[in-house]
Amino acid sequence: MSEQRRAVNLSVHLYPPLNSAAGSDRVQIALDAPATVGDALEALVARYGAEMRRYLYGDGDTVVPAWTAFVNDVPVQLNRDEALQTPVSDGDELALILNLAGG
């Protein structure tokens, strides 16, 4: 008997500038379960390439601190390492918003 992997299907709302990298404000991604916010970010980079990576990670290997994710409208501050381990489930909605301050 073969083991069947469960899929975690997410609806992802991409705010500027991520929407320009993806060519859309909303995309669907499928991940293997169990899945995390970090897995979702890596899937976006894998699908949309260097531009998406630059927007999310800058020149480094950690998420640019100004990004916030919302999983089903619950904020996840991506400036904390443990935030990338936040679980996501099949049917969840993920939104990625760049927090900008100005005056």
C-alpha atoms as a PDB file:
ATOM      1  CA  MET A   1       0.000   0.000   0.000  1.00  0.00           C
ATOM      2  CA  SER A   2       1.528   3.341  -1.006  1.00  0.00           C
ATOM      3  CA  GLU A   3       1.518   6.283   1.340  1.00  0.00           C
ATOM      4  CA  GLN A   4      -0.452   9.207  -0.053  1.00  0.00           C
ATOM      5  CA  ARG A   5       0.801  12.671   0.769  1.00  0.00           C
ATOM      6  CA  ARG A   6      -1.750  15.152   1.959  1.00  0.00           C
ATOM      7  CA  ALA A   7      -1.764  18.477   0.164  1.00  0.00           C
ATOM      8  CA  VAL A   8      -2.080  21.843   1.841  1.00  0.00           C
ATOM      9  CA  ASN A   9      -3.714  24.197  -0.653  1.00  0.00           C
ATOM     10  CA  LEU A  10      -3.357  27.881   0.160  1.00  0.00           C
ATOM     11  CA  SER A  11      -4.858  30.989  -1.350  1.00  0.00           C
ATOM     12  CA  VAL A  12      -2.172  33.680  -1.178  1.00  0.00           C
ATOM     13  CA  HIS A  13      -2.946  37.402  -1.403  1.00  0.00           C
ATOM     14  CA  LEU A  14       0.143  39.279  -2.578  1.00  0.00           C
ATOM     15  CA  TYR A  15       0.401  42.980  -1.853  1.00  0.00           C
ATOM     16  CA  PRO A  16       2.924  45.265  -3.605  1.00  0.00           C
ATOM     17  CA  PRO A  17       5.640  44.668  -4.572  1.00  0.00           C
ATOM     18  CA  LEU A  18       5.103  40.887  -4.466  1.00  0.00           C
ATOM     19  CA  ASN A  19       2.160  41.097  -6.843  1.00  0.00           C
ATOM     20  CA  SER A  20       4.429  42.519  -9.548  1.00  0.00           C
ATOM     21  CA  ALA A  21       6.826  39.575  -9.155  1.00  0.00           C
ATOM     22  CA  ALA A  22       3.941  37.112  -9.467  1.00  0.00           C
ATOM     23  CA  GLY A  23       1.960  39.042 -12.077  1.00  0.00           C
ATOM     24  CA  SER A  24      -1.152  38.693  -9.921  1.00  0.00           C
ATOM     25  CA  ASP A  25      -2.653  39.841  -6.623  1.00  0.00           C
ATOM     26  CA  ARG A  26      -3.811  36.325  -5.743  1.00  0.00           C
ATOM     27  CA  VAL A  27      -2.225  32.945  -6.386  1.00  0.00           C
ATOM     28  CA  GLN A  28      -2.853  29.376  -5.295  1.00  0.00           C
ATOM     29  CA  ILE A  29      -0.034  27.194  -3.992  1.00  0.00           C
ATOM     30  CA  ALA A  30       0.021  23.555  -2.926  1.00  0.00           C
ATOM     31  CA  LEU A  31       2.398  22.279  -0.262  1.00  0.00           C
ATOM     32  CA  ASP A  32       3.032  18.880   1.284  1.00  0.00           C
ATOM     33  CA  ALA A  33       1.567  18.493   4.769  1.00  0.00           C
ATOM     34  CA  PRO A  34       2.564  19.403   7.371  1.00  0.00           C
ATOM     35  CA  ALA A  35       3.279  22.903   6.059  1.00  0.00           C
ATOM     36  CA  THR A  36       4.392  26.223   7.502  1.00  0.00           C
ATOM     37  CA  VAL A  37       4.488  29.896   6.541  1.00  0.00           C
ATOM     38  CA  GLY A  38       8.176  29.381   5.729  1.00  0.00           C
ATOM     39  CA  ASP A  39       7.285  26.559   3.329  1.00  0.00           C
ATOM     40  CA  ALA A  40       4.791  28.866   1.617  1.00  0.00           C
ATOM     41  CA  LEU A  41       7.424  31.598   1.179  1.00  0.00           C
ATOM     42  CA  GLU A  42       9.878  29.095  -0.287  1.00  0.00           C
ATOM     43  CA  ALA A  43       7.181  27.837  -2.686  1.00  0.00           C
ATOM     44  CA  LEU A  44       6.573  31.400  -3.866  1.00  0.00           C
ATOM     45  CA  VAL A  45      10.307  31.898  -4.466  1.00  0.00           C
ATOM     46  CA  ALA A  46      10.520  28.568  -6.307  1.00  0.00           C
ATOM     47  CA  ARG A  47       7.612  29.517  -8.563  1.00  0.00           C
ATOM     48  CA  TYR A  48       8.389  33.195  -9.209  1.00  0.00           C
ATOM     49  CA  GLY A  49      12.170  33.293  -8.961  1.00  0.00           C
ATOM     50  CA  ALA A  50      14.778  35.912  -8.211  1.00  0.00           C
ATOM     51  CA  GLU A  51      12.485  38.933  -8.122  1.00  0.00           C
ATOM     52  CA  MET A  52      10.225  37.311  -5.513  1.00  0.00           C
ATOM     53  CA  ARG A  53      13.276  36.242  -3.504  1.00  0.00           C
ATOM     54  CA  ARG A  54      14.738  39.755  -3.571  1.00  0.00           C
ATOM     55  CA  TYR A  55      11.485  41.289  -2.329  1.00  0.00           C
ATOM     56  CA  LEU A  56      11.067  38.751   0.489  1.00  0.00           C
ATOM     57  CA  TYR A  57      14.680  38.245   1.560  1.00  0.00           C
ATOM     58  CA  GLY A  58      16.607  41.255   0.251  1.00  0.00           C
ATOM     59  CA  ASP A  59      20.261  40.292  -0.153  1.00  0.00           C
ATOM     60  CA  GLY A  60      20.253  37.869   2.775  1.00  0.00           C
ATOM     61  CA  ASP A  61      18.865  34.555   3.904  1.00  0.00           C
ATOM     62  CA  THR A  62      16.289  35.890   6.344  1.00  0.00           C
ATOM     63  CA  VAL A  63      12.953  37.515   5.589  1.00  0.00           C
ATOM     64  CA  VAL A  64      13.085  41.309   5.389  1.00  0.00           C
ATOM     65  CA  PRO A  65      11.790  42.385   8.844  1.00  0.00           C
ATOM     66  CA  ALA A  66       9.143  44.726   7.437  1.00  0.00           C
ATOM     67  CA  TRP A  67       7.014  41.850   6.080  1.00  0.00           C
ATOM     68  CA  THR A  68       3.955  40.655   7.956  1.00  0.00           C
ATOM     69  CA  ALA A  69       1.980  37.572   7.043  1.00  0.00           C
ATOM     70  CA  PHE A  70      -1.654  37.058   7.923  1.00  0.00           C
ATOM     71  CA  VAL A  71      -2.916  33.497   8.201  1.00  0.00           C
ATOM     72  CA  ASN A  72      -6.701  33.679   8.085  1.00  0.00           C
ATOM     73  CA  ASP A  73      -6.494  37.325   9.232  1.00  0.00           C
ATOM     74  CA  VAL A  74      -4.253  36.487  12.218  1.00  0.00           C
ATOM     75  CA  PRO A  75      -0.984  38.479  12.038  1.00  0.00           C
ATOM     76  CA  VAL A  76       2.352  36.669  11.969  1.00  0.00           C
ATOM     77  CA  GLN A  77       5.305  39.033  12.422  1.00  0.00           C
ATOM     78  CA  LEU A  78       7.949  37.702  10.048  1.00  0.00           C
ATOM     79  CA  ASN A  79      10.720  39.573  11.874  1.00  0.00           C
ATOM     80  CA  ARG A  80      10.755  36.706  14.407  1.00  0.00           C
ATOM     81  CA  ASP A  81      12.557  33.485  13.452  1.00  0.00           C
ATOM     82  CA  GLU A  82       9.864  31.262  14.944  1.00  0.00           C
ATOM     83  CA  ALA A  83       7.217  32.961  12.779  1.00  0.00           C
ATOM     84  CA  LEU A  84       8.320  30.941   9.760  1.00  0.00           C
ATOM     85  CA  GLN A  85       7.353  27.791  11.676  1.00  0.00           C
ATOM     86  CA  THR A  86       3.720  28.942  11.986  1.00  0.00           C
ATOM     87  CA  PRO A  87       1.597  26.067  10.671  1.00  0.00           C
ATOM     88  CA  VAL A  88      -0.795  26.454   7.753  1.00  0.00           C
ATOM     89  CA  SER A  89      -3.626  24.086   6.891  1.00  0.00           C
ATOM     90  CA  ASP A  90      -5.480  23.111   3.769  1.00  0.00           C
ATOM     91  CA  GLY A  91      -7.844  25.898   2.711  1.00  0.00           C
ATOM     92  CA  ASP A  92      -6.076  28.634   4.687  1.00  0.00           C
ATOM     93  CA  GLU A  93      -5.654  32.134   3.312  1.00  0.00           C
ATOM     94  CA  LEU A  94      -2.221  33.724   3.537  1.00  0.00           C
ATOM     95  CA  ALA A  95      -1.674  37.452   2.939  1.00  0.00           C
ATOM     96  CA  LEU A  96       1.764  39.077   2.709  1.00  0.00           C
ATOM     97  CA  ILE A  97       1.978  42.790   3.455  1.00  0.00           C
ATOM     98  CA  LEU A  98       5.016  45.061   3.562  1.00  0.00           C
ATOM     99  CA  ASN A  99       4.765  47.398   6.563  1.00  0.00           C
ATOM    100  CA  LEU A 100       5.996  50.846   5.677  1.00  0.00           C
ATOM    101  CA  ALA A 101       6.296  53.775   8.028  1.00  0.00           C
ATOM    102  CA  GLY A 102       6.725  57.344   7.024  1.00  0.00           C
ATOM    103  CA  GLY A 103       6.114  60.804   8.079  1.00  0.00           C
END
